[in-house]
């Protein structure tokens, strides 16, 4: 019976193997969340810039094509 355990031993994961796999999976998920956060921030910056352009276009059209002041307070 001990001979069977020795041959099966290397293929059976131990508790430490499960713990390591769990930590690796957790790190992978955290890295994914970090990447998603960076992507969301980039998209947010893009949308903000587009909204600023939209506002500037509305001022231009509302003024009848007049000049837009270059300095605006943010």
C-alpha atoms as a PDB file:
ATOM      1  CA  UNK A   1       0.000   0.000   0.000  1.00  0.00           C
ATOM      2  CA  UNK A   2       2.881   2.387   0.680  1.00  0.00           C
ATOM      3  CA  UNK A   3       4.189   1.685  -2.811  1.00  0.00           C
ATOM      4  CA  UNK A   4       0.924   2.954  -4.291  1.00  0.00           C
ATOM      5  CA  UNK A   5       1.139   6.152  -2.255  1.00  0.00           C
ATOM      6  CA  UNK A   6       4.678   6.822  -3.401  1.00  0.00           C
ATOM      7  CA  UNK A   7       3.695   6.557  -7.062  1.00  0.00           C
ATOM      8  CA  UNK A   8       0.614   8.746  -6.565  1.00  0.00           C
ATOM      9  CA  UNK A   9       2.375  11.236  -4.252  1.00  0.00           C
ATOM     10  CA  UNK A  10       3.910  13.554  -6.875  1.00  0.00           C
ATOM     11  CA  UNK A  11       0.650  13.798  -8.867  1.00  0.00           C
ATOM     12  CA  UNK A  12      -1.484  14.646  -5.817  1.00  0.00           C
ATOM     13  CA  UNK A  13      -1.238  18.332  -4.942  1.00  0.00           C
ATOM     14  CA  UNK A  14      -0.606  19.211  -1.336  1.00  0.00           C
ATOM     15  CA  UNK A  15      -2.304  21.933   0.679  1.00  0.00           C
ATOM     16  CA  UNK A  16       0.693  24.184   0.003  1.00  0.00           C
ATOM     17  CA  UNK A  17       0.240  23.663  -3.754  1.00  0.00           C
ATOM     18  CA  UNK A  18      -3.387  24.758  -3.464  1.00  0.00           C
ATOM     19  CA  UNK A  19      -2.368  27.786  -1.406  1.00  0.00           C
ATOM     20  CA  UNK A  20       0.252  28.806  -3.974  1.00  0.00           C
ATOM     21  CA  UNK A  21      -2.221  28.334  -6.829  1.00  0.00           C
ATOM     22  CA  UNK A  22      -4.793  30.402  -4.949  1.00  0.00           C
ATOM     23  CA  UNK A  23      -2.327  33.246  -4.350  1.00  0.00           C
ATOM     24  CA  UNK A  24      -1.229  33.184  -8.010  1.00  0.00           C
ATOM     25  CA  UNK A  25      -4.865  33.344  -9.115  1.00  0.00           C
ATOM     26  CA  UNK A  26      -5.501  36.241  -6.729  1.00  0.00           C
ATOM     27  CA  UNK A  27      -2.483  38.133  -8.107  1.00  0.00           C
ATOM     28  CA  UNK A  28      -3.653  37.514 -11.646  1.00  0.00           C
ATOM     29  CA  UNK A  29      -7.085  38.946 -10.810  1.00  0.00           C
ATOM     30  CA  UNK A  30      -5.546  41.985  -9.108  1.00  0.00           C
ATOM     31  CA  UNK A  31      -3.353  42.648 -12.145  1.00  0.00           C
ATOM     32  CA  UNK A  32      -6.449  42.403 -14.340  1.00  0.00           C
ATOM     33  CA  UNK A  33      -8.288  44.906 -12.111  1.00  0.00           C
ATOM     34  CA  UNK A  34      -5.303  47.253 -12.278  1.00  0.00           C
ATOM     35  CA  UNK A  35      -5.288  47.090 -16.086  1.00  0.00           C
ATOM     36  CA  UNK A  36      -9.035  47.711 -16.176  1.00  0.00           C
ATOM     37  CA  UNK A  37      -8.627  50.694 -13.861  1.00  0.00           C
ATOM     38  CA  UNK A  38      -5.973  52.184 -16.151  1.00  0.00           C
ATOM     39  CA  UNK A  39      -8.208  51.631 -19.172  1.00  0.00           C
ATOM     40  CA  UNK A  40     -11.185  53.246 -17.435  1.00  0.00           C
ATOM     41  CA  UNK A  41      -9.052  56.254 -16.471  1.00  0.00           C
ATOM     42  CA  UNK A  42      -7.903  56.660 -20.089  1.00  0.00           C
ATOM     43  CA  UNK A  43     -11.462  56.445 -21.368  1.00  0.00           C
ATOM     44  CA  UNK A  44     -12.563  58.963 -18.734  1.00  0.00           C
ATOM     45  CA  UNK A  45      -9.840  61.388 -19.862  1.00  0.00           C
ATOM     46  CA  UNK A  46     -10.921  60.957 -23.483  1.00  0.00           C
ATOM     47  CA  UNK A  47     -14.584  61.615 -22.676  1.00  0.00           C
ATOM     48  CA  UNK A  48     -13.643  64.679 -20.634  1.00  0.00           C
ATOM     49  CA  UNK A  49     -11.618  66.068 -23.537  1.00  0.00           C
ATOM     50  CA  UNK A  50     -14.472  65.435 -25.960  1.00  0.00           C
ATOM     51  CA  UNK A  51     -16.896  67.216 -23.627  1.00  0.00           C
ATOM     52  CA  UNK A  52     -14.562  70.223 -23.469  1.00  0.00           C
ATOM     53  CA  UNK A  53     -14.434  70.325 -27.270  1.00  0.00           C
ATOM     54  CA  UNK A  54     -18.202  70.055 -27.438  1.00  0.00           C
ATOM     55  CA  UNK A  55     -18.534  72.992 -25.062  1.00  0.00           C
ATOM     56  CA  UNK A  56     -16.087  75.069 -27.085  1.00  0.00           C
ATOM     57  CA  UNK A  57     -18.004  74.273 -30.276  1.00  0.00           C
ATOM     58  CA  UNK A  58     -21.271  75.363 -28.632  1.00  0.00           C
ATOM     59  CA  UNK A  59     -19.707  78.670 -27.540  1.00  0.00           C
ATOM     60  CA  UNK A  60     -18.375  79.215 -31.054  1.00  0.00           C
ATOM     61  CA  UNK A  61     -21.722  78.455 -32.682  1.00  0.00           C
ATOM     62  CA  UNK A  62     -23.642  80.426 -30.056  1.00  0.00           C
ATOM     63  CA  UNK A  63     -21.489  83.482 -30.644  1.00  0.00           C
ATOM     64  CA  UNK A  64     -22.235  83.435 -34.351  1.00  0.00           C
ATOM     65  CA  UNK A  65     -18.739  82.324 -35.286  1.00  0.00           C
ATOM     66  CA  UNK A  66     -16.862  84.787 -33.102  1.00  0.00           C
ATOM     67  CA  UNK A  67     -13.498  84.109 -31.559  1.00  0.00           C
ATOM     68  CA  UNK A  68     -13.279  81.925 -28.487  1.00  0.00           C
ATOM     69  CA  UNK A  69     -11.051  83.259 -25.689  1.00  0.00           C
ATOM     70  CA  UNK A  70      -7.930  81.105 -25.369  1.00  0.00           C
ATOM     71  CA  UNK A  71      -7.877  81.360 -21.567  1.00  0.00           C
ATOM     72  CA  UNK A  72     -10.642  79.638 -19.720  1.00  0.00           C
ATOM     73  CA  UNK A  73     -10.889  78.918 -16.054  1.00  0.00           C
ATOM     74  CA  UNK A  74     -10.964  75.235 -15.237  1.00  0.00           C
END
